[in-house]
Amino acid sequence: MFNARFGSNAPVIALILITFIWGGTFLTVKYALNFSSPMFFVGCRFACAATIIGLLSFRQLKHITAQDLFAGCMIGCMLTIGYGTQTVGLQTISSSESAFLTALYVPLVPVLLWLIFRKAPHFMIWIGALCAFIGLVLLTGNGFHAITLNFGQVVTLLGAIGIALEIILIGYFAPKVNLGRVTVIQLAVASVLAFASMPLVGEHTIPSFSWPLLSIAMGLGLTSALIQYVMNWAQRSVDPSQAAIIYAGEPVWAALFGRLAGERLAPLALLGGVLVVFGILISEWKPKRLKAKTEIEQL
């Protein structure tokens, strides 16, 4: 019914909706840290997500291959690094700032592709990366005279790198594996690794049971499952560049939710956030002349 009503716009509308939901998860995770330690919560969140998708993909799980397992484990490791460090960082920085810093994964993806696979990025990516870097400096609140990062900002940037590598790995393995099976494996691996890493980050006890914690973990587990499924479905027909531009709205929604909850970014930091989003949009924009040149080089 949804496809019949909205036609070819359905995938785009779906991505916009999940980006809106995604933006709200930052504030939700920050609230959850009132009841739980970071890695324990990440473990619970992905355990719930893996269970939900596992139930939906039960028949496919009977045919897991060694390649599915390898891909799922690799992606799951990056998932743990990405969301684990992001959650740790939310202990000391606002949800708005976390969202802007995490969004740096968009210009990071082509840069890392260049470093790993020698796939040269186009010129606009370097312009976008420069804008994003300037935005990052302003987000620190210190300006160019003293570029220093606090602990929360550093670990959140590590999370952005983890998420960028996760996206690269998904793109690499997607044509070779069953996405349904790999999604279950990567979420399960991320959950296990999050629980296993608790002692490494100083979490030596399990938080006391609380209904708010259980509700949030289950809610975000369902949200993670929904986001993953919609992304996999929608990006079959939505160009990656167009999808990346839509995802650039995620920190904007997060900042809006944060402001409604009483968070306030300093004017300089807010300008930095705007530059990060601008850098993301620029990095995904190809002028017609540049597109034509790229097409000629591929012939």
Protein backbone atom coordinates (compact mmCIF):
# COMPACT_ATOMS: atom_id res chain seq x y z
CA MET A 1 0.00 0.00 0.00
CA PHE A 2 2.82 2.40 0.89
CA ASN A 3 4.56 1.83 -2.45
CA ALA A 4 1.30 2.11 -4.36
CA ARG A 5 0.44 5.41 -2.75
CA PHE A 6 3.80 7.16 -2.91
CA GLY A 7 5.36 5.33 -5.87
CA SER A 8 9.08 5.88 -6.50
CA ASN A 9 9.26 8.42 -3.66
CA ALA A 10 8.57 5.77 -1.03
CA PRO A 11 12.25 4.86 -0.37
CA VAL A 12 13.24 8.53 -0.05
CA ILE A 13 10.34 9.24 2.33
CA ALA A 14 11.28 6.15 4.35
CA LEU A 15 14.90 7.31 4.70
CA ILE A 16 13.77 10.78 5.81
CA LEU A 17 11.54 9.20 8.47
CA ILE A 18 14.26 6.94 9.86
CA THR A 19 16.73 9.85 9.86
CA PHE A 20 14.23 11.74 12.03
CA ILE A 21 14.00 8.72 14.37
CA TRP A 22 17.79 8.26 14.31
CA GLY A 23 18.28 11.86 15.42
CA GLY A 24 16.11 11.23 18.46
CA THR A 25 18.14 8.23 19.61
CA PHE A 26 21.06 10.39 20.82
CA LEU A 27 18.96 12.08 23.49
CA THR A 28 17.34 8.74 24.40
CA VAL A 29 20.73 7.07 24.90
CA LYS A 30 21.93 9.98 27.03
CA TYR A 31 18.83 9.60 29.21
CA ALA A 32 19.39 5.83 29.47
CA LEU A 33 22.83 6.47 31.00
CA ASN A 34 21.01 7.63 34.16
CA PHE A 35 20.12 3.97 34.71
CA SER A 36 23.00 2.05 33.13
CA SER A 37 26.70 2.05 32.37
CA PRO A 38 27.55 2.64 28.68
CA MET A 39 28.76 -0.74 27.41
CA PHE A 40 26.14 -2.70 29.33
CA PHE A 41 23.45 -0.58 27.70
CA VAL A 42 25.01 -1.03 24.22
CA GLY A 43 25.04 -4.79 24.81
CA CYS A 44 21.37 -4.80 25.84
CA ARG A 45 20.39 -2.57 22.92
CA PHE A 46 21.96 -4.77 20.27
CA ALA A 47 20.82 -7.99 21.97
CA CYS A 48 17.23 -6.75 21.62
CA ALA A 49 17.83 -5.71 17.99
CA ALA A 50 19.44 -9.07 17.12
CA THR A 51 16.53 -10.95 18.70
CA ILE A 52 13.93 -8.94 16.76
CA ILE A 53 15.66 -9.32 13.38
CA GLY A 54 16.49 -12.96 14.18
CA LEU A 55 12.80 -13.74 14.68
CA LEU A 56 11.96 -12.01 11.39
CA SER A 57 14.77 -13.82 9.53
CA PHE A 58 14.46 -17.19 11.28
CA ARG A 59 14.18 -19.27 8.11
CA GLN A 60 17.22 -17.62 6.53
CA LEU A 61 19.40 -18.40 9.55
CA LYS A 62 19.35 -22.11 8.70
CA HIS A 63 21.64 -21.44 5.75
CA ILE A 64 24.43 -19.40 7.38
CA THR A 65 27.75 -19.73 5.52
CA ALA A 66 31.33 -19.18 6.66
CA GLN A 67 31.40 -15.98 4.59
CA ASP A 68 28.25 -14.73 6.35
CA LEU A 69 29.93 -15.36 9.71
CA PHE A 70 33.15 -13.62 8.70
CA ALA A 71 31.34 -10.58 7.31
CA GLY A 72 29.01 -10.37 10.32
CA CYS A 73 31.91 -10.58 12.78
CA MET A 74 33.92 -7.88 10.99
CA ILE A 75 30.95 -5.51 10.74
CA GLY A 76 29.92 -6.34 14.32
CA CYS A 77 33.37 -5.30 15.59
CA MET A 78 33.04 -1.91 13.91
CA LEU A 79 29.48 -1.60 15.21
CA THR A 80 30.73 -2.10 18.77
CA ILE A 81 33.51 0.46 18.35
CA GLY A 82 31.18 2.97 16.69
CA TYR A 83 28.24 2.85 19.07
CA GLY A 84 30.23 1.86 22.16
CA THR A 85 32.54 4.87 22.03
CA GLN A 86 29.63 7.12 21.08
CA THR A 87 27.70 5.99 24.18
CA VAL A 88 30.75 6.42 26.42
CA GLY A 89 31.19 9.93 25.04
CA LEU A 90 27.59 10.83 25.84
CA GLN A 91 28.49 10.70 29.52
CA THR A 92 30.37 13.99 29.21
CA ILE A 93 29.06 15.79 26.10
CA SER A 94 25.56 16.80 25.00
CA SER A 95 23.47 14.69 22.62
CA SER A 96 23.56 17.56 20.08
CA GLU A 97 27.36 17.75 20.07
CA SER A 98 27.61 13.95 19.89
CA ALA A 99 25.35 13.88 16.82
CA PHE A 100 27.38 16.53 14.95
CA LEU A 101 30.67 14.79 15.75
CA THR A 102 29.29 11.37 14.77
CA ALA A 103 28.04 12.80 11.45
CA LEU A 104 31.67 13.27 10.41
CA TYR A 105 31.52 9.63 9.27
CA VAL A 106 30.00 10.85 5.96
CA PRO A 107 33.11 12.71 4.66
CA LEU A 108 35.31 10.13 6.41
CA VAL A 109 33.99 7.25 4.27
CA PRO A 110 35.52 8.40 0.94
CA VAL A 111 38.74 9.48 2.68
CA LEU A 112 39.12 6.04 4.29
CA LEU A 113 38.27 4.37 0.97
CA TRP A 114 41.17 6.31 -0.54
CA LEU A 115 43.55 5.26 2.26
CA ILE A 116 42.49 1.59 2.27
CA PHE A 117 41.63 0.83 -1.37
CA ARG A 118 43.42 3.72 -3.11
CA LYS A 119 40.09 4.83 -4.55
CA ALA A 120 40.74 8.50 -5.17
CA PRO A 121 37.94 10.79 -3.91
CA HIS A 122 36.72 13.61 -6.12
CA PHE A 123 37.69 17.23 -5.44
CA MET A 124 34.43 18.19 -3.67
CA ILE A 125 35.10 15.59 -0.98
CA TRP A 126 38.28 17.43 0.03
CA ILE A 127 36.37 20.72 0.17
CA GLY A 128 33.68 19.07 2.27
CA ALA A 129 36.24 17.46 4.57
CA LEU A 130 37.92 20.85 5.10
CA CYS A 131 34.57 22.47 6.02
CA ALA A 132 33.81 19.56 8.37
CA PHE A 133 37.24 19.91 10.02
CA ILE A 134 36.72 23.64 10.60
CA GLY A 135 33.32 22.80 12.05
CA LEU A 136 34.94 20.24 14.34
CA VAL A 137 37.41 22.83 15.61
CA LEU A 138 34.57 25.26 16.37
CA LEU A 139 32.59 22.50 18.09
CA THR A 140 35.40 22.06 20.61
CA GLY A 141 34.65 25.59 21.82
CA ASN A 142 38.31 26.58 21.90
CA GLY A 143 38.77 28.11 18.45
CA PHE A 144 41.92 27.79 16.32
CA HIS A 145 44.21 29.29 18.96
CA ALA A 146 43.89 26.17 21.13
CA ILE A 147 42.69 23.05 19.34
CA THR A 148 42.09 20.66 22.21
CA LEU A 149 39.53 17.88 22.60
CA ASN A 150 38.05 16.61 25.84
CA PHE A 151 37.63 12.89 26.53
CA GLY A 152 34.02 12.75 25.35
CA GLN A 153 34.86 14.44 22.06
CA VAL A 154 37.85 12.16 21.40
CA VAL A 155 35.95 8.91 21.95
CA THR A 156 33.01 10.19 19.88
CA LEU A 157 35.38 10.91 16.99
CA LEU A 158 36.69 7.35 17.32
CA GLY A 159 33.07 6.27 17.06
CA ALA A 160 32.67 8.24 13.82
CA ILE A 161 35.68 6.37 12.39
CA GLY A 162 34.16 3.05 13.52
CA ILE A 163 30.84 3.84 11.84
CA ALA A 164 32.64 4.92 8.64
CA LEU A 165 34.52 1.59 8.58
CA GLU A 166 31.25 -0.24 9.24
CA ILE A 167 29.70 1.41 6.16
CA ILE A 168 32.75 0.53 4.06
CA LEU A 169 32.61 -3.10 5.18
CA ILE A 170 28.87 -3.32 4.48
CA GLY A 171 29.50 -1.97 0.97
CA TYR A 172 32.33 -4.47 0.45
CA PHE A 173 30.47 -7.56 1.69
CA ALA A 174 26.90 -6.71 0.57
CA PRO A 175 27.17 -8.22 -2.94
CA LYS A 176 28.75 -11.41 -1.57
CA VAL A 177 26.54 -12.37 1.40
CA ASN A 178 22.95 -12.66 2.54
CA LEU A 179 22.14 -9.29 4.15
CA GLY A 180 19.44 -10.73 6.41
CA ARG A 181 21.76 -13.32 7.96
CA VAL A 182 24.69 -10.92 8.21
CA THR A 183 22.53 -8.30 9.94
CA VAL A 184 21.58 -10.78 12.66
CA ILE A 185 25.19 -11.90 13.08
CA GLN A 186 26.63 -8.38 13.23
CA LEU A 187 24.09 -7.29 15.88
CA ALA A 188 24.67 -10.43 17.95
CA VAL A 189 28.47 -10.03 17.72
CA ALA A 190 28.18 -6.35 18.68
CA SER A 191 26.11 -7.29 21.73
CA VAL A 192 28.56 -9.97 22.88
CA LEU A 193 31.60 -7.71 22.37
CA ALA A 194 29.92 -4.85 24.24
CA PHE A 195 29.24 -7.07 27.25
CA ALA A 196 32.78 -8.54 27.05
CA SER A 197 34.39 -5.07 26.96
CA MET A 198 32.68 -3.89 30.16
CA PRO A 199 35.71 -4.64 32.42
CA LEU A 200 38.02 -2.88 29.95
CA VAL A 201 36.18 0.42 30.44
CA GLY A 202 35.81 0.04 34.19
CA GLU A 203 32.33 -1.49 34.30
CA HIS A 204 32.75 -4.25 36.88
CA THR A 205 29.14 -4.55 38.03
CA ILE A 206 25.83 -4.99 36.28
CA PRO A 207 23.42 -2.09 36.88
CA SER A 208 20.41 -2.76 39.08
CA PHE A 209 17.23 -3.75 37.28
CA SER A 210 14.93 -0.88 36.45
CA TRP A 211 11.85 -0.67 34.27
CA PRO A 212 13.01 2.53 32.52
CA LEU A 213 16.27 0.81 31.50
CA LEU A 214 14.42 -2.26 30.20
CA SER A 215 11.92 -0.10 28.31
CA ILE A 216 14.60 2.07 26.68
CA ALA A 217 16.79 -0.93 25.74
CA MET A 218 13.83 -2.68 24.12
CA GLY A 219 12.66 0.52 22.43
CA LEU A 220 16.09 1.30 20.99
CA GLY A 221 16.52 -2.35 20.03
CA LEU A 222 13.32 -2.12 18.01
CA THR A 223 14.47 1.21 16.57
CA SER A 224 17.86 -0.21 15.55
CA ALA A 225 16.15 -3.17 13.87
CA LEU A 226 13.75 -0.84 12.03
CA ILE A 227 16.50 1.51 10.88
CA GLN A 228 18.65 -1.36 9.60
CA TYR A 229 15.80 -2.98 7.68
CA VAL A 230 14.61 0.28 6.12
CA MET A 231 18.16 1.28 5.11
CA ASN A 232 18.76 -2.09 3.43
CA TRP A 233 15.40 -1.89 1.62
CA ALA A 234 15.51 1.78 0.60
CA GLN A 235 19.11 1.85 -0.61
CA ARG A 236 18.33 -0.74 -3.25
CA SER A 237 16.82 2.12 -5.27
CA VAL A 238 18.19 5.29 -3.65
CA ASP A 239 21.61 6.42 -4.89
CA PRO A 240 24.26 6.32 -2.10
CA SER A 241 25.05 10.02 -2.60
CA GLN A 242 21.39 10.95 -2.27
CA ALA A 243 21.07 8.72 0.81
CA ALA A 244 24.12 10.37 2.39
CA ILE A 245 22.58 13.81 1.90
CA ILE A 246 19.40 12.59 3.62
CA TYR A 247 21.45 11.16 6.50
CA ALA A 248 23.08 14.59 6.91
CA GLY A 249 19.79 15.68 8.46
CA GLU A 250 20.36 13.34 11.41
CA PRO A 251 22.49 15.75 13.52
CA VAL A 252 20.03 18.56 12.74
CA TRP A 253 17.16 16.51 14.15
CA ALA A 254 19.34 15.51 17.12
CA ALA A 255 20.14 19.17 17.83
CA LEU A 256 16.44 20.03 17.63
CA PHE A 257 15.49 17.27 20.06
CA GLY A 258 18.34 18.34 22.34
CA ARG A 259 17.20 21.95 22.32
CA LEU A 260 13.63 20.93 23.16
CA ALA A 261 15.09 18.99 26.10
CA GLY A 262 16.96 22.06 27.34
CA GLU A 263 20.40 21.57 25.78
CA ARG A 264 22.10 24.73 24.55
CA LEU A 265 25.14 24.85 22.29
CA ALA A 266 27.34 27.95 22.44
CA PRO A 267 27.02 30.16 19.32
CA LEU A 268 30.52 29.17 18.14
CA ALA A 269 29.76 25.47 18.63
CA LEU A 270 26.44 25.86 16.82
CA LEU A 271 28.26 27.45 13.88
CA GLY A 272 30.64 24.49 13.96
CA GLY A 273 27.70 22.10 13.74
CA VAL A 274 26.33 23.98 10.74
CA LEU A 275 29.74 23.75 9.03
CA VAL A 276 29.87 20.00 9.68
CA VAL A 277 26.49 19.51 7.98
CA PHE A 278 27.54 21.88 5.15
CA GLY A 279 30.76 19.90 4.71
CA ILE A 280 28.75 16.67 4.47
CA LEU A 281 26.48 18.11 1.79
CA ILE A 282 29.42 19.54 -0.19
CA SER A 283 31.32 16.24 -0.04
CA GLU A 284 28.38 14.42 -1.64
CA TRP A 285 27.75 17.01 -4.37
CA LYS A 286 29.22 16.51 -7.82
CA PRO A 287 28.97 19.36 -10.36
CA LYS A 288 27.85 18.25 -13.82
CA ARG A 289 31.33 18.84 -15.25
CA LEU A 290 32.87 16.63 -12.57
CA LYS A 291 30.26 13.91 -13.15
CA ALA A 292 30.99 13.90 -16.87
CA LYS A 293 34.74 13.65 -16.24
CA THR A 294 34.20 10.72 -13.85
CA GLU A 295 32.03 8.89 -16.37
CA ILE A 296 34.67 9.35 -19.10
CA GLU A 297 37.41 8.01 -16.81
CA GLN A 298 35.31 4.92 -16.09
CA LEU A 299 34.90 4.09 -19.80
